[in-house]
Amino acid sequence: MSVSAYCVRHVVTARPEETVCMAAQRMVQQDVGALVLMEGKRPVGMVTDRDLVTRVLATGNDPHTVALGTVMTTSLVCVSEDAALEEAVTRMCTAHIRRLVVVNDAGELVGLFALDDLLALLGEYEAAMTTLLRVACQHWQ
């Protein structure tokens, strides 16, 4: 199974020149905890709600004037949309991150794969296995 089948395709984005305040408002409106920062169709960074707290608010900087480009994480960990789920999980574990940017062959943003997506998938598999075992046990009784 490839990452493309399970990643979120509606990714909320921002531009590096936008302010932290604008980003925080967008996060609230869209009910997301992270924004992918874009230059054209290419992802160049990511900022999370935690980043905004630790890199801006806790340091006393003004969220109305600080640009996202100055506080974003620029060392993005990306995965190809064709990559296997196992590769995505390995990258997340190795990098100690909860979100992977999913890109196409041209390096353009196509989605976001998060730990929450993986947990939901595992929950679906667990439910399917439970049902399968229940049916199998009834058959042998």
Protein backbone atom coordinates (compact mmCIF):
# COMPACT_ATOMS: atom_id res chain seq x y z
CA MET A 1 0.00 0.00 0.00
CA SER A 2 1.27 3.43 -0.90
CA VAL A 3 1.17 6.63 1.10
CA SER A 4 -1.01 8.28 -1.57
CA ALA A 5 -3.94 6.07 -0.60
CA TYR A 6 -3.88 7.27 3.02
CA CYS A 7 -2.52 10.80 3.05
CA VAL A 8 -4.71 13.84 3.54
CA ARG A 9 -5.00 15.64 0.21
CA HIS A 10 -6.51 18.86 1.54
CA VAL A 11 -3.43 20.47 3.08
CA VAL A 12 -3.73 23.89 4.64
CA THR A 13 -0.86 26.03 3.43
CA ALA A 14 0.70 29.44 4.00
CA ARG A 15 3.45 31.60 2.55
CA PRO A 16 6.68 32.39 4.43
CA GLU A 17 5.96 36.13 4.36
CA GLU A 18 2.64 35.76 6.22
CA THR A 19 2.61 36.68 9.90
CA VAL A 20 2.34 34.28 12.79
CA CYS A 21 -0.98 35.88 13.72
CA MET A 22 -2.39 35.18 10.25
CA ALA A 23 -1.19 31.59 10.48
CA ALA A 24 -2.71 31.07 13.92
CA GLN A 25 -6.05 32.40 12.69
CA ARG A 26 -5.96 30.06 9.69
CA MET A 27 -5.14 27.10 11.95
CA VAL A 28 -8.17 27.87 14.11
CA GLN A 29 -10.47 28.40 11.11
CA GLN A 30 -9.35 25.18 9.41
CA ASP A 31 -9.00 23.18 12.67
CA VAL A 32 -5.44 22.05 11.93
CA GLY A 33 -2.27 21.89 14.00
CA ALA A 34 0.21 22.48 11.18
CA LEU A 35 0.64 24.51 8.01
CA VAL A 36 2.87 23.64 5.09
CA LEU A 37 4.69 26.73 3.84
CA MET A 38 4.81 27.02 0.10
CA GLU A 39 6.71 28.85 -2.61
CA GLY A 40 4.69 28.17 -5.71
CA LYS A 41 3.81 24.46 -5.77
CA ARG A 42 6.81 23.40 -3.70
CA PRO A 43 6.80 22.96 0.06
CA VAL A 44 9.62 24.90 1.74
CA GLY A 45 8.76 24.56 5.41
CA MET A 46 6.28 23.65 8.06
CA VAL A 47 5.00 25.38 11.15
CA THR A 48 3.00 23.75 13.92
CA ASP A 49 0.91 25.22 16.68
CA ARG A 50 3.68 24.19 19.07
CA ASP A 51 6.24 26.08 16.98
CA LEU A 52 4.16 29.23 17.28
CA VAL A 53 4.05 28.91 21.06
CA THR A 54 7.69 28.00 21.65
CA ARG A 55 9.34 30.14 18.96
CA VAL A 56 7.16 33.24 19.13
CA LEU A 57 4.87 33.60 22.13
CA ALA A 58 7.22 32.16 24.75
CA THR A 59 10.07 34.36 23.53
CA GLY A 60 8.00 37.53 23.73
CA ASN A 61 7.98 38.22 19.98
CA ASP A 62 5.01 39.99 18.42
CA PRO A 63 2.89 37.51 16.43
CA HIS A 64 1.52 40.42 14.38
CA THR A 65 4.94 41.26 12.96
CA VAL A 66 6.92 38.00 12.96
CA ALA A 67 6.95 36.31 9.54
CA LEU A 68 6.40 32.57 9.34
CA GLY A 69 9.57 32.21 7.31
CA THR A 70 11.62 33.16 10.36
CA VAL A 71 10.09 30.50 12.62
CA MET A 72 9.24 27.66 10.22
CA THR A 73 11.00 24.34 10.21
CA THR A 74 12.94 24.22 6.96
CA SER A 75 14.32 20.71 7.23
CA LEU A 76 11.22 19.08 5.82
CA VAL A 77 11.02 15.33 5.75
CA CYS A 78 9.19 14.39 2.58
CA VAL A 79 8.04 11.12 1.14
CA SER A 80 7.01 10.24 -2.40
CA GLU A 81 3.33 9.63 -2.95
CA ASP A 82 4.34 6.23 -4.37
CA ALA A 83 6.26 5.22 -1.24
CA ALA A 84 5.10 2.24 0.78
CA LEU A 85 3.52 2.87 4.17
CA GLU A 86 6.46 1.08 5.79
CA GLU A 87 8.87 3.61 4.33
CA ALA A 88 6.75 6.49 5.60
CA VAL A 89 6.62 5.05 9.10
CA THR A 90 10.37 4.42 9.07
CA ARG A 91 11.03 8.04 8.07
CA MET A 92 8.74 9.33 10.79
CA CYS A 93 10.44 7.18 13.43
CA THR A 94 13.96 7.99 12.27
CA ALA A 95 13.31 11.74 12.18
CA HIS A 96 11.19 11.73 15.36
CA ILE A 97 8.34 13.58 13.67
CA ARG A 98 4.56 13.21 13.51
CA ARG A 99 3.94 14.57 10.01
CA LEU A 100 5.40 13.84 6.57
CA VAL A 101 4.99 16.05 3.54
CA VAL A 102 3.89 13.94 0.58
CA VAL A 103 5.25 15.04 -2.80
CA ASN A 104 5.04 13.91 -6.41
CA ASP A 105 7.98 13.22 -8.71
CA ALA A 106 8.36 16.96 -9.40
CA GLY A 107 8.65 17.73 -5.67
CA GLU A 108 5.23 19.38 -5.58
CA LEU A 109 2.94 19.07 -2.58
CA VAL A 110 0.23 16.43 -2.95
CA GLY A 111 -0.64 15.67 0.66
CA LEU A 112 0.28 15.25 4.28
CA PHE A 113 0.66 11.94 6.11
CA ALA A 114 0.42 12.17 9.89
CA LEU A 115 0.78 9.80 12.80
CA ASP A 116 -2.95 10.27 13.39
CA ASP A 117 -3.64 8.92 9.89
CA LEU A 118 -1.55 5.85 10.67
CA LEU A 119 -3.33 5.27 13.98
CA ALA A 120 -6.72 5.51 12.26
CA LEU A 121 -5.57 2.97 9.66
CA LEU A 122 -4.35 0.59 12.36
CA GLY A 123 -7.70 0.94 14.12
CA GLU A 124 -9.48 -0.06 10.92
CA TYR A 125 -7.23 -3.11 10.55
CA GLU A 126 -7.83 -4.11 14.16
CA ALA A 127 -11.61 -3.90 13.68
CA ALA A 128 -11.40 -5.97 10.49
CA MET A 129 -9.25 -8.62 12.19
CA THR A 130 -11.62 -8.79 15.15
CA THR A 131 -14.55 -9.37 12.81
CA LEU A 132 -12.62 -11.99 10.86
CA LEU A 133 -11.67 -13.86 14.02
CA ARG A 134 -15.24 -13.72 15.33
CA VAL A 135 -16.58 -15.19 12.07
CA ALA A 136 -13.87 -17.87 11.98
CA CYS A 137 -14.56 -18.89 15.59
CA GLN A 138 -18.31 -19.14 14.95
CA HIS A 139 -17.65 -21.32 11.92
CA TRP A 140 -15.62 -23.83 13.98
CA GLN A 141 -18.07 -24.07 16.89
